[in-house]
Amino acid sequence: MQTTKPRTTWMMDTVECSRSLMHFFDFANATGQMERLQSPYSYAILACASGEKLSDYADGMADRMKDAITFMEICASEARGDAEHYLNLHIRNYARLISGMQEMEYPASQVTAHFEKAKRVLEVNWPDENTIHIQAQGLRTRAFWEPSEIPWLADVASKWQEIRAELEQFLAKPSHSMHSTGAVQLASEQDWETILLLSPSGWNVDLCTQHFPITCTLLLPQPELNARNFRAPDSTSGRKRVNAKAMVNLYRVAPGGHIHAHFGQVAHLVASLGLRVPKGSSIRVGGENRSWKEGEWLVFDDSFVHEVVNEASEPRYVLATRLIHPDCIAPQDSTT
């Protein structure tokens, strides 16, 4: 009978696997065997992958984060603006590298040096070191957006108490519960839970019809939640394929919960509606902190580094929608 590994054990295994991979190539390099294995550029790509994994699973441990930064610096040393196939990878690596160095309080001069090289070599549109993101070039970028820029959000917000009532009625039944998001690298299973209404594979019809008819009826017709309306950014040619990943979740963050800093998806925004918001629950996007208010939306760019903390003694509940970026909505067919 198979058993699920504890979160900490699973994360440690992943960390040690990434470290071992890098140690193997270091040994090959030291013994003159590197050319028999991979080119130096391929080694840099492996360093990117290992650095990203260690960064994902650092879990607040300084030794993991320092190793992650070391590996990401190896990758950064080989970054080239003409390597179109790897452009997205290098942008993401630099963003995570700079964010990690800031988190670990590396000297400002080192952070600035990487920031300036990223702007020079990769031509990223980062205004300053606190507005690092991985957004596709050519799309509008800012940490927070005004809810009025997505007009239908106002109609949904006007029904926020009905949406909250559906959630509370669902949770009041002993047989119903929320589930872990599965993102164990970002938060413990108990700290961050969800009810998933829309995934990239489609709507959960049973949940929508039986338990959340008001919520789903409000959201179902919205173009930013329909993958068929997605138009990939022009700047992603030659990069890893970008797909629509619209989602709708009801999220719970436990008292004292912390969702670690991370970058989300390119070509998407997140609109998060406060449903049950105790004082002390906030989000940081880039270098800016904001708090939820019940019945109001917070809209932010998912490609910016962001983290959530709930310092309250009560859980925080929101309706979160991951929307197709307004610049990636295909022109609507007006024919009837």
Protein backbone atom coordinates (compact mmCIF):
# COMPACT_ATOMS: atom_id res chain seq x y z
CA MET A 1 0.00 0.00 0.00
CA GLN A 2 1.43 3.36 -1.02
CA THR A 3 1.64 6.15 1.54
CA THR A 4 1.97 9.85 0.90
CA LYS A 5 5.21 11.37 2.09
CA PRO A 6 4.95 14.22 4.59
CA ARG A 7 5.31 17.65 3.00
CA THR A 8 8.70 18.30 4.62
CA THR A 9 10.10 14.93 3.52
CA TRP A 10 8.91 15.36 -0.05
CA MET A 11 10.40 18.85 -0.21
CA MET A 12 13.71 17.66 1.26
CA ASP A 13 13.92 14.86 -1.33
CA THR A 14 13.40 17.38 -4.14
CA VAL A 15 16.00 19.73 -2.70
CA GLU A 16 18.62 16.99 -2.34
CA CYS A 17 17.92 15.71 -5.85
CA SER A 18 18.55 19.19 -7.28
CA ARG A 19 21.73 19.61 -5.25
CA SER A 20 23.01 16.19 -6.30
CA LEU A 21 22.41 17.01 -9.95
CA MET A 22 24.54 20.14 -9.69
CA HIS A 23 27.25 18.34 -7.70
CA PHE A 24 27.42 15.69 -10.42
CA PHE A 25 28.10 18.27 -13.10
CA ASP A 26 30.56 20.12 -10.87
CA PHE A 27 32.47 16.85 -10.52
CA ALA A 28 32.38 16.30 -14.28
CA ASN A 29 33.72 19.80 -14.84
CA ALA A 30 36.49 19.37 -12.28
CA THR A 31 37.64 16.08 -13.88
CA GLY A 32 37.51 17.36 -17.45
CA GLN A 33 34.51 15.28 -18.44
CA MET A 34 32.01 18.10 -19.01
CA GLU A 35 32.24 18.05 -22.81
CA ARG A 36 31.33 14.37 -22.81
CA LEU A 37 28.10 15.19 -20.98
CA GLN A 38 26.70 18.55 -22.02
CA SER A 39 27.78 21.88 -23.41
CA PRO A 40 28.42 24.69 -20.91
CA TYR A 41 25.17 26.32 -22.04
CA SER A 42 23.19 23.16 -21.28
CA TYR A 43 24.85 23.10 -17.87
CA ALA A 44 23.56 26.64 -17.31
CA ILE A 45 20.04 25.54 -18.23
CA LEU A 46 20.27 22.72 -15.68
CA ALA A 47 21.44 25.29 -13.14
CA CYS A 48 18.28 27.29 -13.91
CA ALA A 49 16.11 24.27 -13.21
CA SER A 50 17.94 23.33 -10.02
CA GLY A 51 17.90 26.91 -8.75
CA GLU A 52 14.19 27.19 -9.40
CA LYS A 53 13.45 23.97 -7.52
CA LEU A 54 15.52 24.97 -4.51
CA SER A 55 13.88 28.39 -4.52
CA ASP A 56 10.43 26.77 -4.69
CA TYR A 57 11.16 24.45 -1.80
CA ALA A 58 13.33 26.71 0.36
CA ASP A 59 10.49 26.85 2.92
CA GLY A 60 12.19 29.71 4.74
CA MET A 61 15.52 27.85 5.12
CA ALA A 62 18.52 30.08 4.43
CA ASP A 63 20.85 27.30 3.27
CA ARG A 64 18.42 26.22 0.55
CA MET A 65 17.87 29.78 -0.62
CA LYS A 66 21.61 30.48 -0.78
CA ASP A 67 22.19 27.35 -2.87
CA ALA A 68 19.31 28.38 -5.12
CA ILE A 69 20.90 31.79 -5.65
CA THR A 70 24.26 30.18 -6.45
CA PHE A 71 22.68 27.96 -9.10
CA MET A 72 20.61 30.79 -10.57
CA GLU A 73 23.75 32.92 -10.85
CA ILE A 74 25.38 30.16 -12.91
CA CYS A 75 22.39 30.27 -15.24
CA ALA A 76 22.46 34.08 -15.38
CA SER A 77 26.11 34.04 -16.41
CA GLU A 78 25.11 32.42 -19.71
CA ALA A 79 22.05 34.58 -20.45
CA ARG A 80 21.97 35.82 -24.03
CA GLY A 81 19.37 38.00 -25.66
CA ASP A 82 19.71 36.13 -28.97
CA ALA A 83 18.80 32.75 -27.45
CA GLU A 84 15.10 33.12 -28.25
CA HIS A 85 14.18 29.58 -27.33
CA TYR A 86 15.43 30.19 -23.78
CA LEU A 87 14.37 33.82 -23.42
CA ASN A 88 11.43 33.09 -21.15
CA LEU A 89 13.58 30.81 -19.00
CA HIS A 90 16.24 33.50 -18.54
CA ILE A 91 13.72 36.22 -17.74
CA ARG A 92 12.15 33.97 -15.12
CA ASN A 93 15.58 33.02 -13.74
CA TYR A 94 16.65 36.65 -13.36
CA ALA A 95 13.35 37.59 -11.73
CA ARG A 96 13.64 34.79 -9.18
CA LEU A 97 17.34 35.49 -8.65
CA ILE A 98 16.79 39.17 -7.87
CA SER A 99 13.76 38.44 -5.69
CA GLY A 100 15.71 35.78 -3.78
CA MET A 101 18.68 38.07 -3.22
CA GLN A 102 16.37 40.76 -1.89
CA GLU A 103 14.72 38.26 0.45
CA MET A 104 18.11 37.13 1.75
CA GLU A 105 19.28 40.75 2.09
CA TYR A 106 22.24 40.47 -0.26
CA PRO A 107 24.24 43.69 -0.76
CA ALA A 108 22.31 46.21 -2.87
CA SER A 109 25.25 46.46 -5.28
CA GLN A 110 24.95 42.76 -6.18
CA VAL A 111 21.20 43.03 -6.71
CA THR A 112 21.65 46.12 -8.88
CA ALA A 113 24.33 44.43 -10.98
CA HIS A 114 21.98 41.56 -11.90
CA PHE A 115 19.10 43.97 -12.45
CA GLU A 116 21.13 46.09 -14.87
CA LYS A 117 22.42 43.05 -16.76
CA ALA A 118 18.87 41.68 -17.15
CA LYS A 119 17.71 44.99 -18.59
CA ARG A 120 20.71 45.22 -20.90
CA VAL A 121 20.87 41.64 -22.17
CA LEU A 122 17.24 40.54 -22.08
CA GLU A 123 15.64 43.98 -22.61
CA VAL A 124 13.09 43.42 -19.86
CA ASN A 125 10.71 46.29 -19.08
CA TRP A 126 11.36 46.48 -15.34
CA PRO A 127 11.18 50.10 -14.11
CA ASP A 128 13.08 49.37 -10.89
CA GLU A 129 14.20 46.54 -8.63
CA ASN A 130 10.86 46.45 -6.78
CA THR A 131 8.79 45.89 -9.92
CA ILE A 132 10.33 42.61 -11.06
CA HIS A 133 7.95 40.45 -13.06
CA ILE A 134 7.94 37.71 -15.70
CA GLN A 135 5.19 39.17 -17.87
CA ALA A 136 5.37 38.74 -21.63
CA GLN A 137 6.84 41.76 -23.32
CA GLY A 138 4.35 44.06 -24.99
CA LEU A 139 1.64 43.59 -22.35
CA ARG A 140 0.72 46.34 -19.92
CA THR A 141 2.36 45.72 -16.56
CA ARG A 142 1.72 47.14 -13.11
CA ALA A 143 1.43 45.44 -9.76
CA PHE A 144 -2.17 46.43 -9.00
CA TRP A 145 -4.97 47.29 -11.42
CA GLU A 146 -8.14 49.22 -10.73
CA PRO A 147 -11.24 46.97 -10.58
CA SER A 148 -13.04 49.48 -12.83
CA GLU A 149 -10.69 48.46 -15.67
CA ILE A 150 -12.63 45.17 -15.83
CA PRO A 151 -16.20 46.52 -15.82
CA TRP A 152 -18.12 43.33 -14.97
CA LEU A 153 -16.31 42.99 -11.64
CA ALA A 154 -18.61 45.64 -10.19
CA ASP A 155 -21.70 43.53 -10.84
CA VAL A 156 -20.12 40.52 -9.16
CA ALA A 157 -19.05 42.63 -6.18
CA SER A 158 -22.63 43.85 -5.74
CA LYS A 159 -23.62 40.21 -5.03
CA TRP A 160 -20.75 39.49 -2.65
CA GLN A 161 -23.01 38.71 0.32
CA GLU A 162 -24.92 36.14 -1.73
CA ILE A 163 -21.61 34.58 -2.82
CA ARG A 164 -20.46 34.43 0.79
CA ALA A 165 -23.77 32.88 1.83
CA GLU A 166 -23.28 30.08 -0.72
CA LEU A 167 -19.82 29.41 0.70
CA GLU A 168 -21.04 29.37 4.29
CA GLN A 169 -23.95 27.06 3.45
CA PHE A 170 -21.55 24.68 1.72
CA LEU A 171 -19.10 24.61 4.64
CA ALA A 172 -21.90 24.21 7.20
CA LYS A 173 -22.58 20.66 5.98
CA PRO A 174 -20.40 18.05 7.74
CA SER A 175 -19.78 16.17 4.51
CA HIS A 176 -18.35 19.25 2.77
CA SER A 177 -14.92 20.71 3.18
CA MET A 178 -12.24 22.63 1.36
CA HIS A 179 -9.17 20.87 -0.01
CA SER A 180 -5.47 21.60 -0.13
CA THR A 181 -4.39 23.60 -3.16
CA GLY A 182 -1.60 21.08 -3.69
CA ALA A 183 0.97 23.88 -3.88
CA VAL A 184 2.99 22.47 -1.01
CA GLN A 185 6.03 24.53 -1.98
CA LEU A 186 4.07 27.71 -1.18
CA ALA A 187 2.11 26.84 1.95
CA SER A 188 1.27 23.93 4.23
CA GLU A 189 -1.80 21.91 3.33
CA GLN A 190 -3.68 23.35 6.31
CA ASP A 191 -2.67 26.97 5.67
CA TRP A 192 -4.09 27.28 2.14
CA GLU A 193 -7.25 25.46 1.05
CA THR A 194 -9.60 25.80 -1.91
CA ILE A 195 -12.88 24.97 -3.56
CA LEU A 196 -12.07 24.82 -7.27
CA LEU A 197 -14.93 25.97 -9.49
CA LEU A 198 -13.04 26.52 -12.75
CA SER A 199 -9.77 24.90 -13.78
CA PRO A 200 -8.01 25.07 -17.18
CA SER A 201 -9.92 21.89 -18.07
CA GLY A 202 -13.32 23.47 -17.45
CA TRP A 203 -16.05 24.28 -14.92
CA ASN A 204 -16.98 21.92 -12.11
CA VAL A 205 -20.60 21.49 -13.16
CA ASP A 206 -21.66 19.60 -10.03
CA LEU A 207 -20.34 22.26 -7.66
CA CYS A 208 -21.78 25.06 -9.77
CA THR A 209 -25.28 23.62 -10.09
CA GLN A 210 -25.67 22.10 -6.62
CA HIS A 211 -23.83 24.51 -4.35
CA PHE A 212 -22.67 27.71 -6.10
CA PRO A 213 -25.28 28.60 -8.72
CA ILE A 214 -25.19 32.35 -8.05
CA THR A 215 -21.39 32.51 -8.10
CA CYS A 216 -21.05 30.49 -11.30
CA THR A 217 -23.92 32.26 -13.09
CA LEU A 218 -22.21 35.58 -12.48
CA LEU A 219 -18.82 34.38 -13.74
CA LEU A 220 -19.62 31.90 -16.50
CA PRO A 221 -20.28 34.45 -19.33
CA GLN A 222 -17.23 36.61 -18.68
CA PRO A 223 -14.79 36.70 -21.64
CA GLU A 224 -11.66 36.84 -19.46
CA LEU A 225 -12.57 33.40 -18.07
CA ASN A 226 -13.12 31.73 -21.45
CA ALA A 227 -10.02 30.06 -22.90
CA ARG A 228 -11.43 30.35 -26.42
CA ASN A 229 -10.98 34.13 -26.18
CA PHE A 230 -7.25 33.85 -25.46
CA ARG A 231 -4.73 35.28 -27.90
CA ALA A 232 -1.10 34.53 -27.07
CA PRO A 233 1.14 37.60 -26.84
CA ASP A 234 3.14 38.30 -29.99
CA SER A 235 6.32 38.44 -27.91
CA THR A 236 6.04 34.75 -27.01
CA SER A 237 7.11 33.56 -30.45
CA GLY A 238 10.17 31.39 -30.00
CA ARG A 239 9.37 30.91 -26.32
CA LYS A 240 7.66 28.20 -24.37
CA ARG A 241 4.02 28.02 -25.45
CA VAL A 242 1.72 30.28 -23.41
CA ASN A 243 -1.79 28.93 -22.83
CA ALA A 244 -4.90 30.32 -21.18
CA LYS A 245 -5.03 29.21 -17.54
CA ALA A 246 -8.14 30.97 -16.27
CA MET A 247 -9.33 29.67 -12.89
CA VAL A 248 -11.96 30.37 -10.24
CA ASN A 249 -11.29 29.39 -6.64
CA LEU A 250 -12.78 30.04 -3.24
CA TYR A 251 -9.68 30.28 -1.05
CA ARG A 252 -9.17 29.94 2.66
CA VAL A 253 -5.99 31.06 4.43
CA ALA A 254 -5.80 29.77 7.99
CA PRO A 255 -5.08 31.94 11.03
CA GLY A 256 -1.34 32.60 11.04
CA GLY A 257 -1.12 31.25 7.48
CA HIS A 258 1.56 32.34 5.04
CA ILE A 259 1.67 31.80 1.28
CA HIS A 260 5.33 32.23 0.37
CA ALA A 261 6.49 34.75 -2.21
CA HIS A 262 6.18 33.39 -5.75
CA PHE A 263 5.63 34.35 -9.38
CA GLY A 264 2.40 33.23 -11.03
CA GLN A 265 1.35 32.93 -14.66
CA VAL A 266 2.21 35.20 -17.55
CA ALA A 267 -0.63 36.77 -19.59
CA HIS A 268 -3.05 36.71 -16.63
CA LEU A 269 -4.36 38.94 -13.86
CA VAL A 270 -5.88 37.84 -10.56
CA ALA A 271 -9.04 39.47 -9.22
CA SER A 272 -9.67 38.58 -5.57
CA LEU A 273 -12.96 39.49 -3.84
CA GLY A 274 -13.00 39.72 -0.04
CA LEU A 275 -15.71 37.52 1.49
CA ARG A 276 -14.64 37.03 5.09
CA VAL A 277 -11.64 39.22 5.89
CA PRO A 278 -10.28 39.60 9.43
CA LYS A 279 -7.97 42.47 10.24
CA GLY A 280 -4.35 41.45 9.62
CA SER A 281 -4.80 39.68 6.28
CA SER A 282 -2.77 41.25 3.48
CA ILE A 283 -0.97 40.66 0.19
CA ARG A 284 2.32 42.00 -1.12
CA VAL A 285 2.67 42.38 -4.88
CA GLY A 286 6.08 43.59 -5.99
CA GLY A 287 7.01 46.24 -3.43
CA GLU A 288 3.43 47.22 -2.50
CA ASN A 289 1.26 45.88 0.33
CA ARG A 290 -2.54 46.00 0.38
CA SER A 291 -5.29 44.51 2.53
CA TRP A 292 -8.61 43.02 1.48
CA LYS A 293 -11.95 44.54 2.36
CA GLU A 294 -15.17 42.57 2.39
CA GLY A 295 -17.17 43.15 -0.78
CA GLU A 296 -14.26 44.75 -2.65
CA TRP A 297 -11.85 43.45 -5.28
CA LEU A 298 -8.09 43.48 -5.29
CA VAL A 299 -6.77 43.07 -8.85
CA PHE A 300 -3.10 42.33 -9.44
CA ASP A 301 -0.75 41.07 -12.13
CA ASP A 302 -0.08 37.37 -11.49
CA SER A 303 3.38 37.61 -13.08
CA PHE A 304 4.69 39.86 -10.27
CA VAL A 305 6.21 38.28 -7.18
CA HIS A 306 3.49 38.12 -4.53
CA GLU A 307 2.85 36.63 -1.10
CA VAL A 308 -0.03 36.48 1.38
CA VAL A 309 -0.03 36.59 5.18
CA ASN A 310 -2.91 36.22 7.60
CA GLU A 311 -1.84 37.42 11.03
CA ALA A 312 -5.40 37.27 12.35
CA SER A 313 -6.84 34.67 14.71
CA GLU A 314 -9.59 33.87 12.17
CA PRO A 315 -9.41 32.45 8.64
CA ARG A 316 -9.58 34.66 5.56
CA TYR A 317 -11.91 33.75 2.67
CA VAL A 318 -11.87 35.24 -0.83
CA LEU A 319 -13.29 34.50 -4.27
CA ALA A 320 -10.25 34.48 -6.56
CA THR A 321 -10.47 34.57 -10.34
CA ARG A 322 -7.43 34.23 -12.57
CA LEU A 323 -8.31 36.21 -15.67
CA ILE A 324 -6.89 36.37 -19.17
CA HIS A 325 -4.88 39.59 -19.40
CA PRO A 326 -6.95 42.33 -21.15
CA ASP A 327 -4.23 42.63 -23.83
CA CYS A 328 -4.64 38.91 -24.63
CA ILE A 329 -8.37 38.92 -25.30
CA ALA A 330 -9.08 38.14 -28.95
CA PRO A 331 -11.48 40.53 -30.75
CA GLN A 332 -15.04 39.40 -30.12
CA ASP A 333 -17.06 38.21 -33.12
CA SER A 334 -19.98 40.62 -33.47
CA THR A 335 -21.81 38.51 -36.07
CA THR A 336 -25.05 36.88 -35.11
